Amino acid sequence: MSFEQGSWSASVASSELVAEDEYRGSVTIQLLTGEPTSLGIGQDAVDGEGIQLRVPGDSVEIRGAQARDAINGITASSTSGGGYQES
C-alpha cells in the first residue's frame, strides 16, 4: 500500500481539490487555514451543502467507491487551504 500527500486551496468557485483516482482506497482531507469549506464528492461543491470543514483542524476520511471520485471544494468568501493523504 502506498500513501500520497498533497495540498489544496479553495475559493468562491467550485474547484478540484483532489483528482479522481480509480485505484484509491481512501483519502483524508484536512482544513488547515482560512474559511469554512464545503466539499462535493464526484460533483461540483455547493457552498453550505455536502461535507463541511468549518474550522482549521477539521478533517474527514472518505473510503471505498466515493474515495475514487474527484473531490471539489468551495468557500463562501475568501480562500481556504489544506492538505490530503490518500492510500
C-alpha atoms as a PDB file:
ATOM      1  CA  MET A   1       0.000   0.000   0.000  1.00  0.00           C
ATOM      2  CA  SER A   2       1.361   3.416  -0.910  1.00  0.00           C
ATOM      3  CA  PHE A   3       0.490   6.768   0.601  1.00  0.00           C
ATOM      4  CA  GLU A   4       0.457  10.033  -1.282  1.00  0.00           C
ATOM      5  CA  GLN A   5       0.111  13.502   0.202  1.00  0.00           C
ATOM      6  CA  GLY A   6      -0.688  16.878  -1.249  1.00  0.00           C
ATOM      7  CA  SER A   7      -2.085  20.300  -0.577  1.00  0.00           C
ATOM      8  CA  TRP A   8      -5.173  22.078  -1.858  1.00  0.00           C
ATOM      9  CA  SER A   9      -6.770  25.511  -1.961  1.00  0.00           C
ATOM     10  CA  ALA A  10     -10.401  26.502  -2.428  1.00  0.00           C
ATOM     11  CA  SER A  11     -12.141  29.785  -3.205  1.00  0.00           C
ATOM     12  CA  VAL A  12     -15.603  31.110  -4.101  1.00  0.00           C
ATOM     13  CA  ALA A  13     -15.883  28.924  -7.229  1.00  0.00           C
ATOM     14  CA  SER A  14     -16.062  25.135  -7.044  1.00  0.00           C
ATOM     15  CA  SER A  15     -12.651  23.695  -7.882  1.00  0.00           C
ATOM     16  CA  GLU A  16     -10.968  20.291  -7.796  1.00  0.00           C
ATOM     17  CA  LEU A  17      -9.056  19.679  -4.564  1.00  0.00           C
ATOM     18  CA  VAL A  18      -8.154  16.017  -5.183  1.00  0.00           C
ATOM     19  CA  ALA A  19      -8.219  14.424  -8.641  1.00  0.00           C
ATOM     20  CA  GLU A  20     -10.187  11.292  -9.456  1.00  0.00           C
ATOM     21  CA  ASP A  21      -8.189   8.059  -8.986  1.00  0.00           C
ATOM     22  CA  GLU A  22      -9.765   4.700  -9.788  1.00  0.00           C
ATOM     23  CA  TYR A  23      -7.254   2.866  -7.564  1.00  0.00           C
ATOM     24  CA  ARG A  24      -7.571   4.983  -4.396  1.00  0.00           C
ATOM     25  CA  GLY A  25      -8.941   3.164  -1.338  1.00  0.00           C
ATOM     26  CA  SER A  26      -9.270   6.141   0.995  1.00  0.00           C
ATOM     27  CA  VAL A  27      -8.498   9.833   1.263  1.00  0.00           C
ATOM     28  CA  THR A  28      -8.315  12.101   4.310  1.00  0.00           C
ATOM     29  CA  ILE A  29      -8.830  15.825   3.753  1.00  0.00           C
ATOM     30  CA  GLN A  30      -7.975  18.439   6.385  1.00  0.00           C
ATOM     31  CA  LEU A  31      -8.680  22.173   6.566  1.00  0.00           C
ATOM     32  CA  LEU A  32      -5.528  23.979   7.694  1.00  0.00           C
ATOM     33  CA  THR A  33      -6.222  27.682   7.058  1.00  0.00           C
ATOM     34  CA  GLY A  34      -8.934  30.084   6.014  1.00  0.00           C
ATOM     35  CA  GLU A  35     -12.668  29.949   5.572  1.00  0.00           C
ATOM     36  CA  PRO A  36     -15.156  27.107   6.144  1.00  0.00           C
ATOM     37  CA  THR A  37     -15.112  24.829   3.106  1.00  0.00           C
ATOM     38  CA  SER A  38     -17.909  22.745   1.565  1.00  0.00           C
ATOM     39  CA  LEU A  39     -16.921  19.549  -0.269  1.00  0.00           C
ATOM     40  CA  GLY A  40     -18.553  17.857  -3.238  1.00  0.00           C
ATOM     41  CA  ILE A  41     -17.640  14.246  -3.986  1.00  0.00           C
ATOM     42  CA  GLY A  42     -17.851  13.371  -7.658  1.00  0.00           C
ATOM     43  CA  GLN A  43     -19.693  16.633  -8.353  1.00  0.00           C
ATOM     44  CA  ASP A  44     -19.308  20.390  -8.031  1.00  0.00           C
ATOM     45  CA  ALA A  45     -19.172  21.684  -4.464  1.00  0.00           C
ATOM     46  CA  VAL A  46     -22.042  23.951  -3.385  1.00  0.00           C
ATOM     47  CA  ASP A  47     -21.470  26.423  -0.553  1.00  0.00           C
ATOM     48  CA  GLY A  48     -23.228  25.301   2.631  1.00  0.00           C
ATOM     49  CA  GLU A  49     -24.033  21.811   1.305  1.00  0.00           C
ATOM     50  CA  GLY A  50     -22.321  18.439   1.493  1.00  0.00           C
ATOM     51  CA  ILE A  51     -19.454  17.720   3.867  1.00  0.00           C
ATOM     52  CA  GLN A  52     -18.405  20.826   5.817  1.00  0.00           C
ATOM     53  CA  LEU A  53     -14.917  21.575   7.108  1.00  0.00           C
ATOM     54  CA  ARG A  54     -15.655  24.542   9.381  1.00  0.00           C
ATOM     55  CA  VAL A  55     -12.531  25.385  11.394  1.00  0.00           C
ATOM     56  CA  PRO A  56      -8.815  24.729  10.878  1.00  0.00           C
ATOM     57  CA  GLY A  57      -8.100  21.213  12.118  1.00  0.00           C
ATOM     58  CA  ASP A  58     -11.391  19.744  10.863  1.00  0.00           C
ATOM     59  CA  SER A  59     -10.876  16.654   8.707  1.00  0.00           C
ATOM     60  CA  VAL A  60     -12.829  13.909   7.024  1.00  0.00           C
ATOM     61  CA  GLU A  61     -11.833  10.454   5.818  1.00  0.00           C
ATOM     62  CA  ILE A  62     -13.605   9.089   2.748  1.00  0.00           C
ATOM     63  CA  ARG A  63     -13.351   5.373   1.914  1.00  0.00           C
ATOM     64  CA  GLY A  64     -14.474   2.993  -0.790  1.00  0.00           C
ATOM     65  CA  ALA A  65     -16.052   3.952  -4.107  1.00  0.00           C
ATOM     66  CA  GLN A  66     -16.577   7.600  -3.130  1.00  0.00           C
ATOM     67  CA  ALA A  67     -12.865   7.949  -2.331  1.00  0.00           C
ATOM     68  CA  ARG A  68     -12.115   7.255  -6.005  1.00  0.00           C
ATOM     69  CA  ASP A  69     -14.146  10.248  -7.237  1.00  0.00           C
ATOM     70  CA  ALA A  70     -12.765  13.750  -7.690  1.00  0.00           C
ATOM     71  CA  ILE A  71     -13.270  15.885  -4.579  1.00  0.00           C
ATOM     72  CA  ASN A  72     -14.210  19.522  -5.117  1.00  0.00           C
ATOM     73  CA  GLY A  73     -14.345  22.414  -2.672  1.00  0.00           C
ATOM     74  CA  ILE A  74     -15.829  25.896  -2.335  1.00  0.00           C
ATOM     75  CA  THR A  75     -15.889  28.694   0.258  1.00  0.00           C
ATOM     76  CA  ALA A  76     -18.479  31.435   0.857  1.00  0.00           C
ATOM     77  CA  SER A  77     -15.833  34.161   0.716  1.00  0.00           C
ATOM     78  CA  SER A  78     -12.079  34.495   0.517  1.00  0.00           C
ATOM     79  CA  THR A  79      -9.971  31.316   0.364  1.00  0.00           C
ATOM     80  CA  SER A  80      -9.031  28.276   2.379  1.00  0.00           C
ATOM     81  CA  GLY A  81      -6.253  25.754   2.220  1.00  0.00           C
ATOM     82  CA  GLY A  82      -5.439  22.333   3.483  1.00  0.00           C
ATOM     83  CA  GLY A  83      -3.835  19.015   2.872  1.00  0.00           C
ATOM     84  CA  TYR A  84      -4.788  15.483   1.954  1.00  0.00           C
ATOM     85  CA  GLN A  85      -3.412  11.986   2.253  1.00  0.00           C
ATOM     86  CA  GLU A  86      -4.579   9.124   0.085  1.00  0.00           C
ATOM     87  CA  SER A  87      -3.954   5.406   0.022  1.00  0.00           C
END
